[in-house]
PDB file of N, CA and C in Angstrom:
ATOM      1  N   MET A   1       0.935  -1.701   0.468  1.00  0.00           N
ATOM      2  CA  MET A   1       0.352  -0.212   0.204  1.00  0.00           C
ATOM      3  C   MET A   1       1.347   1.247  -0.065  1.00  0.00           C
ATOM      4  N   MET A   2       0.545   2.169  -0.948  1.00  0.00           N
ATOM      5  CA  MET A   2       1.706   2.718  -0.810  1.00  0.00           C
ATOM      6  C   MET A   2       1.170   3.986   0.211  1.00  0.00           C
ATOM      7  N   ARG A   3       2.084   4.447   0.837  1.00  0.00           N
ATOM      8  CA  ARG A   3       2.762   6.040   1.550  1.00  0.00           C
ATOM      9  C   ARG A   3       3.230   6.999   1.759  1.00  0.00           C
ATOM     10  N   ASP A   4       2.647   7.995   1.979  1.00  0.00           N
ATOM     11  CA  ASP A   4       3.163   9.611   1.369  1.00  0.00           C
ATOM     12  C   ASP A   4       4.224   9.663   2.571  1.00  0.00           C
ATOM     13  N   VAL A   5       4.670  10.558   1.894  1.00  0.00           N
ATOM     14  CA  VAL A   5       6.103  11.455   3.227  1.00  0.00           C
ATOM     15  C   VAL A   5       5.507  11.983   3.114  1.00  0.00           C
ATOM     16  N   PRO A   6       5.306  12.677   4.709  1.00  0.00           N
ATOM     17  CA  PRO A   6       4.863  14.054   4.785  1.00  0.00           C
ATOM     18  C   PRO A   6       6.034  15.093   3.604  1.00  0.00           C
ATOM     19  N   GLY A   7       4.840  16.776   4.176  1.00  0.00           N
ATOM     20  CA  GLY A   7       5.433  17.734   3.138  1.00  0.00           C
ATOM     21  C   GLY A   7       6.230  17.748   1.792  1.00  0.00           C
ATOM     22  N   THR A   8       5.997  17.001   1.796  1.00  0.00           N
ATOM     23  CA  THR A   8       6.164  16.031   0.052  1.00  0.00           C
ATOM     24  C   THR A   8       5.396  16.250  -1.232  1.00  0.00           C
ATOM     25  N   GLY A   9       3.821  15.307  -0.654  1.00  0.00           N
ATOM     26  CA  GLY A   9       3.471  15.413  -1.443  1.00  0.00           C
ATOM     27  C   GLY A   9       3.525  14.649  -2.690  1.00  0.00           C
ATOM     28  N   ALA A  10       4.538  13.208  -1.555  1.00  0.00           N
ATOM     29  CA  ALA A  10       4.984  12.376  -2.628  1.00  0.00           C
ATOM     30  C   ALA A  10       4.746  10.366  -2.213  1.00  0.00           C
ATOM     31  N   SER A  11       4.008  10.282  -2.564  1.00  0.00           N
ATOM     32  CA  SER A  11       4.401   8.452  -2.306  1.00  0.00           C
ATOM     33  C   SER A  11       5.188   7.744  -2.698  1.00  0.00           C
ATOM     34  N   LEU A  12       5.330   6.839  -1.636  1.00  0.00           N
ATOM     35  CA  LEU A  12       6.439   5.588  -1.996  1.00  0.00           C
ATOM     36  C   LEU A  12       5.574   4.171  -1.556  1.00  0.00           C
ATOM     37  N   PRO A  13       6.203   3.721  -2.351  1.00  0.00           N
ATOM     38  CA  PRO A  13       5.945   2.112  -2.561  1.00  0.00           C
ATOM     39  C   PRO A  13       6.023   1.219  -1.703  1.00  0.00           C
ATOM     40  N   ALA A  14       5.092   0.126  -1.220  1.00  0.00           N
ATOM     41  CA  ALA A  14       4.976  -0.947  -0.208  1.00  0.00           C
ATOM     42  C   ALA A  14       6.828  -1.840  -0.520  1.00  0.00           C
ATOM     43  N   ARG A  15       7.569  -1.999   0.730  1.00  0.00           N
ATOM     44  CA  ARG A  15       9.335  -3.093   0.134  1.00  0.00           C
ATOM     45  C   ARG A  15       8.807  -4.137  -0.777  1.00  0.00           C
ATOM     46  N   GLY A  16       9.390  -4.479  -1.716  1.00  0.00           N
ATOM     47  CA  GLY A  16       8.964  -4.764  -2.455  1.00  0.00           C
ATOM     48  C   GLY A  16       8.226  -5.179  -4.044  1.00  0.00           C
ATOM     49  N   SER A  17       7.377  -3.696  -3.964  1.00  0.00           N
ATOM     50  CA  SER A  17       6.830  -2.932  -5.025  1.00  0.00           C
ATOM     51  C   SER A  17       7.212  -1.772  -5.255  1.00  0.00           C
ATOM     52  N   ALA A  18       6.032  -1.414  -6.760  1.00  0.00           N
ATOM     53  CA  ALA A  18       6.225  -0.548  -7.357  1.00  0.00           C
ATOM     54  C   ALA A  18       5.411   0.864  -7.796  1.00  0.00           C
ATOM     55  N   ILE A  19       5.444   1.642  -7.546  1.00  0.00           N
ATOM     56  CA  ILE A  19       4.655   2.591  -8.428  1.00  0.00           C
ATOM     57  C   ILE A  19       4.861   2.659 -10.037  1.00  0.00           C
ATOM     58  N   VAL A  20       4.375   2.733 -10.608  1.00  0.00           N
ATOM     59  CA  VAL A  20       4.010   2.870 -12.252  1.00  0.00           C
ATOM     60  C   VAL A  20       2.972   3.399 -12.477  1.00  0.00           C
ATOM     61  N   ARG A  21       2.969   4.386 -14.130  1.00  0.00           N
ATOM     62  CA  ARG A  21       2.155   4.832 -14.170  1.00  0.00           C
ATOM     63  C   ARG A  21       2.671   4.565 -15.613  1.00  0.00           C
ATOM     64  N   VAL A  22       1.543   4.257 -16.490  1.00  0.00           N
ATOM     65  CA  VAL A  22       1.222   3.612 -17.971  1.00  0.00           C
ATOM     66  C   VAL A  22       0.539   4.437 -18.911  1.00  0.00           C
ATOM     67  N   THR A  23       0.657   4.899 -19.523  1.00  0.00           N
ATOM     68  CA  THR A  23       0.737   5.878 -20.958  1.00  0.00           C
ATOM     69  C   THR A  23       0.543   4.636 -21.931  1.00  0.00           C
ATOM     70  N   VAL A  24      -0.423   5.029 -22.600  1.00  0.00           N
ATOM     71  CA  VAL A  24      -0.437   4.179 -23.964  1.00  0.00           C
ATOM     72  C   VAL A  24      -1.206   5.321 -25.043  1.00  0.00           C
ATOM     73  N   VAL A  25       0.045   5.033 -26.764  1.00  0.00           N
ATOM     74  CA  VAL A  25      -0.915   5.138 -27.885  1.00  0.00           C
ATOM     75  C   VAL A  25      -1.806   4.828 -28.259  1.00  0.00           C
ATOM     76  N   ASP A  26      -2.763   4.899 -28.524  1.00  0.00           N
ATOM     77  CA  ASP A  26      -3.648   3.835 -29.935  1.00  0.00           C
ATOM     78  C   ASP A  26      -3.222   3.835 -31.433  1.00  0.00           C
ATOM     79  N   GLU A  27      -3.686   3.118 -31.954  1.00  0.00           N
ATOM     80  CA  GLU A  27      -3.470   2.818 -33.177  1.00  0.00           C
ATOM     81  C   GLU A  27      -4.624   4.769 -34.058  1.00  0.00           C
ATOM     82  N   ASN A  28      -4.920   5.235 -33.498  1.00  0.00           N
ATOM     83  CA  ASN A  28      -5.345   6.897 -33.809  1.00  0.00           C
ATOM     84  C   ASN A  28      -4.351   7.989 -33.869  1.00  0.00           C
ATOM     85  N   GLY A  29      -3.738   7.519 -32.881  1.00  0.00           N
ATOM     86  CA  GLY A  29      -2.203   8.135 -32.247  1.00  0.00           C
ATOM     87  C   GLY A  29      -2.952   9.676 -31.437  1.00  0.00           C
ATOM     88  N   PHE A  30      -4.019   8.497 -30.010  1.00  0.00           N
ATOM     89  CA  PHE A  30      -4.158   9.283 -28.947  1.00  0.00           C
ATOM     90  C   PHE A  30      -3.690   8.827 -27.584  1.00  0.00           C
ATOM     91  N   THR A  31      -2.922   9.739 -27.063  1.00  0.00           N
ATOM     92  CA  THR A  31      -2.753   8.736 -25.980  1.00  0.00           C
ATOM     93  C   THR A  31      -3.467   9.016 -25.321  1.00  0.00           C
ATOM     94  N   HIS A  32      -3.293   7.632 -23.773  1.00  0.00           N
ATOM     95  CA  HIS A  32      -4.587   7.669 -22.680  1.00  0.00           C
ATOM     96  C   HIS A  32      -3.281   7.403 -21.341  1.00  0.00           C
ATOM     97  N   HIS A  33      -3.624   8.198 -20.225  1.00  0.00           N
ATOM     98  CA  HIS A  33      -2.859   8.662 -19.220  1.00  0.00           C
ATOM     99  C   HIS A  33      -4.095   7.618 -18.288  1.00  0.00           C
ATOM    100  N   TYR A  34      -2.700   6.738 -17.543  1.00  0.00           N
ATOM    101  CA  TYR A  34      -4.142   6.021 -16.295  1.00  0.00           C
ATOM    102  C   TYR A  34      -3.085   6.081 -15.385  1.00  0.00           C
ATOM    103  N   ALA A  35      -4.552   5.832 -14.189  1.00  0.00           N
ATOM    104  CA  ALA A  35      -3.724   6.893 -12.778  1.00  0.00           C
ATOM    105  C   ALA A  35      -2.463   5.828 -12.024  1.00  0.00           C
ATOM    106  N   PRO A  36      -1.360   6.142 -11.210  1.00  0.00           N
ATOM    107  CA  PRO A  36      -0.767   5.525 -11.380  1.00  0.00           C
ATOM    108  C   PRO A  36      -1.018   4.235 -10.400  1.00  0.00           C
ATOM    109  N   ILE A  37       0.058   3.005 -10.359  1.00  0.00           N
ATOM    110  CA  ILE A  37      -0.821   1.926 -10.287  1.00  0.00           C
ATOM    111  C   ILE A  37       0.717   1.207  -9.064  1.00  0.00           C
ATOM    112  N   GLU A  38      -0.197   0.960  -8.159  1.00  0.00           N
ATOM    113  CA  GLU A  38       1.527  -0.038  -7.240  1.00  0.00           C
ATOM    114  C   GLU A  38       1.021  -1.167  -7.282  1.00  0.00           C
ATOM    115  N   THR A  39       2.320  -2.169  -8.455  1.00  0.00           N
ATOM    116  CA  THR A  39       2.335  -3.474  -8.442  1.00  0.00           C
ATOM    117  C   THR A  39       3.543  -4.379  -7.963  1.00  0.00           C
ATOM    118  N   ARG A  40       3.635  -5.419  -7.573  1.00  0.00           N
ATOM    119  CA  ARG A  40       5.560  -6.461  -7.242  1.00  0.00           C
ATOM    120  C   ARG A  40       6.011  -5.319  -7.752  1.00  0.00           C
ATOM    121  N   ARG A  41       7.280  -5.975  -7.985  1.00  0.00           N
ATOM    122  CA  ARG A  41       8.117  -5.617  -9.322  1.00  0.00           C
ATOM    123  C   ARG A  41       8.104  -6.984 -10.262  1.00  0.00           C
ATOM    124  N   ASP A  42       8.209  -7.788  -9.542  1.00  0.00           N
ATOM    125  CA  ASP A  42       8.120  -9.698 -10.346  1.00  0.00           C
ATOM    126  C   ASP A  42       7.195  -9.620 -11.479  1.00  0.00           C
ATOM    127  N   THR A  43       6.129  -9.114 -11.196  1.00  0.00           N
ATOM    128  CA  THR A  43       4.192  -8.306 -11.828  1.00  0.00           C
ATOM    129  C   THR A  43       5.417  -8.154 -13.385  1.00  0.00           C
ATOM    130  N   ILE A  44       6.104  -6.644 -13.003  1.00  0.00           N
ATOM    131  CA  ILE A  44       6.366  -5.869 -13.232  1.00  0.00           C
ATOM    132  C   ILE A  44       7.311  -6.193 -14.713  1.00  0.00           C
ATOM    133  N   SER A  45       7.742  -6.865 -13.969  1.00  0.00           N
ATOM    134  CA  SER A  45       9.029  -7.446 -14.998  1.00  0.00           C
ATOM    135  C   SER A  45       8.526  -8.682 -15.800  1.00  0.00           C
ATOM    136  N   ALA A  46       8.087  -9.762 -15.887  1.00  0.00           N
ATOM    137  CA  ALA A  46       6.639 -10.482 -16.098  1.00  0.00           C
ATOM    138  C   ALA A  46       5.922  -9.450 -17.436  1.00  0.00           C
ATOM    139  N   ALA A  47       5.337  -8.463 -16.738  1.00  0.00           N
ATOM    140  CA  ALA A  47       4.348  -7.795 -18.664  1.00  0.00           C
ATOM    141  C   ALA A  47       5.767  -7.494 -19.764  1.00  0.00           C
ATOM    142  N   LEU A  48       6.654  -6.677 -18.335  1.00  0.00           N
ATOM    143  CA  LEU A  48       7.909  -5.696 -19.997  1.00  0.00           C
ATOM    144  C   LEU A  48       8.441  -7.252 -20.572  1.00  0.00           C
ATOM    145  N   ALA A  49       7.991  -8.037 -20.313  1.00  0.00           N
ATOM    146  CA  ALA A  49       8.735  -9.409 -20.791  1.00  0.00           C
ATOM    147  C   ALA A  49       7.793  -9.857 -22.206  1.00  0.00           C
ATOM    148  N   LEU A  50       6.551 -10.017 -21.548  1.00  0.00           N
ATOM    149  CA  LEU A  50       5.540  -9.948 -22.958  1.00  0.00           C
ATOM    150  C   LEU A  50       5.482  -9.275 -23.555  1.00  0.00           C
ATOM    151  N   LEU A  51       5.968  -8.521 -23.106  1.00  0.00           N
ATOM    152  CA  LEU A  51       5.246  -6.448 -24.178  1.00  0.00           C
ATOM    153  C   LEU A  51       6.345  -6.863 -25.641  1.00  0.00           C
ATOM    154  N   PHE A  52       7.885  -6.665 -25.201  1.00  0.00           N
ATOM    155  CA  PHE A  52       9.140  -7.054 -25.803  1.00  0.00           C
ATOM    156  C   PHE A  52       9.788  -8.257 -25.470  1.00  0.00           C
ATOM    157  N   GLY A  53       8.169  -9.773 -25.998  1.00  0.00           N
ATOM    158  CA  GLY A  53       9.261 -10.528 -26.233  1.00  0.00           C
ATOM    159  C   GLY A  53      10.500 -11.257 -26.021  1.00  0.00           C
ATOM    160  N   LEU A  54      10.741 -11.078 -24.298  1.00  0.00           N
ATOM    161  CA  LEU A  54      11.928 -11.014 -24.075  1.00  0.00           C
ATOM    162  C   LEU A  54      11.744 -12.844 -23.134  1.00  0.00           C
ATOM    163  N   SER A  55      11.702 -13.567 -23.104  1.00  0.00           N
ATOM    164  CA  SER A  55      12.336 -14.871 -21.716  1.00  0.00           C
ATOM    165  C   SER A  55      12.964 -14.322 -20.257  1.00  0.00           C
ATOM    166  N   ARG A  56      13.800 -12.598 -20.422  1.00  0.00           N
ATOM    167  CA  ARG A  56      13.954 -12.293 -18.592  1.00  0.00           C
ATOM    168  C   ARG A  56      13.689 -11.055 -19.533  1.00  0.00           C
ATOM    169  N   VAL A  57      13.607 -10.073 -18.234  1.00  0.00           N
ATOM    170  CA  VAL A  57      14.530  -7.787 -18.094  1.00  0.00           C
ATOM    171  C   VAL A  57      15.101  -8.451 -17.368  1.00  0.00           C
ATOM    172  N   ALA A  58      16.603  -8.012 -17.874  1.00  0.00           N
ATOM    173  CA  ALA A  58      17.206  -7.269 -16.847  1.00  0.00           C
ATOM    174  C   ALA A  58      17.025  -6.723 -15.407  1.00  0.00           C
ATOM    175  N   GLY A  59      17.872  -7.656 -14.939  1.00  0.00           N
ATOM    176  CA  GLY A  59      17.004  -6.294 -12.990  1.00  0.00           C
ATOM    177  C   GLY A  59      16.448  -7.366 -12.865  1.00  0.00           C
ATOM    178  N   GLU A  60      15.976  -8.070 -13.262  1.00  0.00           N
ATOM    179  CA  GLU A  60      15.410  -9.435 -12.228  1.00  0.00           C
ATOM    180  C   GLU A  60      15.511 -10.796 -11.275  1.00  0.00           C
TER     181      GLU A  60
END
């Protein structure tokens, strides 16, 4: 669960997690921005590997 950092307006992810912001450009050139998502780091690595056709992502 995200924790707020007092006096900064920033948030920190829980241990072993990351805060990810997703931006997608569709086939018509429209850009879609999604709210920040907190998820486990291994989930992000798996998603990037699927997107880029990699068997493994660096830093995993």
